[in-house]
């Protein structure tokens, strides 16, 4: 639980907000890429 609170504190800084947006964008495109890959294999 403490680690989660540390991450939330870091996300409140301007740099943390940018890093959070980048991580979410990378995860989003990775998930889309994986599902697109599964669709083309069938």
C-alpha atoms as a PDB file:
ATOM      1  CA  UNK A   1       0.000   0.000   0.000  1.00  0.00           C
ATOM      2  CA  UNK A   2       2.855   2.380   0.792  1.00  0.00           C
ATOM      3  CA  UNK A   3       4.340   1.879  -2.669  1.00  0.00           C
ATOM      4  CA  UNK A   4       1.016   2.860  -4.267  1.00  0.00           C
ATOM      5  CA  UNK A   5       0.868   6.030  -2.176  1.00  0.00           C
ATOM      6  CA  UNK A   6       4.457   6.878  -3.218  1.00  0.00           C
ATOM      7  CA  UNK A   7       3.481   6.492  -6.887  1.00  0.00           C
ATOM      8  CA  UNK A   8       0.443   8.748  -6.410  1.00  0.00           C
ATOM      9  CA  UNK A   9       2.637  11.396  -4.765  1.00  0.00           C
ATOM     10  CA  UNK A  10       5.077  11.272  -7.705  1.00  0.00           C
ATOM     11  CA  UNK A  11       2.176  11.536 -10.178  1.00  0.00           C
ATOM     12  CA  UNK A  12       1.145  14.861  -8.638  1.00  0.00           C
ATOM     13  CA  UNK A  13       4.322  16.585  -9.861  1.00  0.00           C
ATOM     14  CA  UNK A  14       4.356  17.963 -13.442  1.00  0.00           C
ATOM     15  CA  UNK A  15       6.983  15.424 -14.508  1.00  0.00           C
ATOM     16  CA  UNK A  16       4.970  12.625 -12.930  1.00  0.00           C
ATOM     17  CA  UNK A  17       1.885  13.651 -14.898  1.00  0.00           C
ATOM     18  CA  UNK A  18       3.841  13.510 -18.172  1.00  0.00           C
ATOM     19  CA  UNK A  19       5.337  10.124 -17.279  1.00  0.00           C
ATOM     20  CA  UNK A  20       1.892   8.785 -16.339  1.00  0.00           C
ATOM     21  CA  UNK A  21       0.411   9.920 -19.670  1.00  0.00           C
ATOM     22  CA  UNK A  22       3.295   8.297 -21.574  1.00  0.00           C
ATOM     23  CA  UNK A  23       2.908   5.000 -19.675  1.00  0.00           C
ATOM     24  CA  UNK A  24      -0.862   4.947 -20.283  1.00  0.00           C
ATOM     25  CA  UNK A  25      -0.362   5.707 -24.004  1.00  0.00           C
ATOM     26  CA  UNK A  26       2.265   2.970 -24.391  1.00  0.00           C
ATOM     27  CA  UNK A  27       0.042   0.459 -22.579  1.00  0.00           C
ATOM     28  CA  UNK A  28      -2.954   1.446 -24.744  1.00  0.00           C
ATOM     29  CA  UNK A  29      -1.068   1.003 -28.031  1.00  0.00           C
ATOM     30  CA  UNK A  30       0.507  -2.239 -26.796  1.00  0.00           C
ATOM     31  CA  UNK A  31      -2.914  -3.703 -25.980  1.00  0.00           C
ATOM     32  CA  UNK A  32      -4.312  -2.585 -29.369  1.00  0.00           C
ATOM     33  CA  UNK A  33      -1.294  -4.112 -31.122  1.00  0.00           C
ATOM     34  CA  UNK A  34      -1.701  -7.423 -29.269  1.00  0.00           C
ATOM     35  CA  UNK A  35      -5.428  -7.682 -30.068  1.00  0.00           C
ATOM     36  CA  UNK A  36      -4.848  -6.687 -33.709  1.00  0.00           C
ATOM     37  CA  UNK A  37      -2.176  -9.391 -33.918  1.00  0.00           C
ATOM     38  CA  UNK A  38      -4.586 -12.017 -32.552  1.00  0.00           C
ATOM     39  CA  UNK A  39      -7.271 -11.004 -35.067  1.00  0.00           C
ATOM     40  CA  UNK A  40      -4.933 -11.346 -38.060  1.00  0.00           C
ATOM     41  CA  UNK A  41      -3.779 -14.818 -36.945  1.00  0.00           C
ATOM     42  CA  UNK A  42      -7.269 -16.329 -37.074  1.00  0.00           C
END
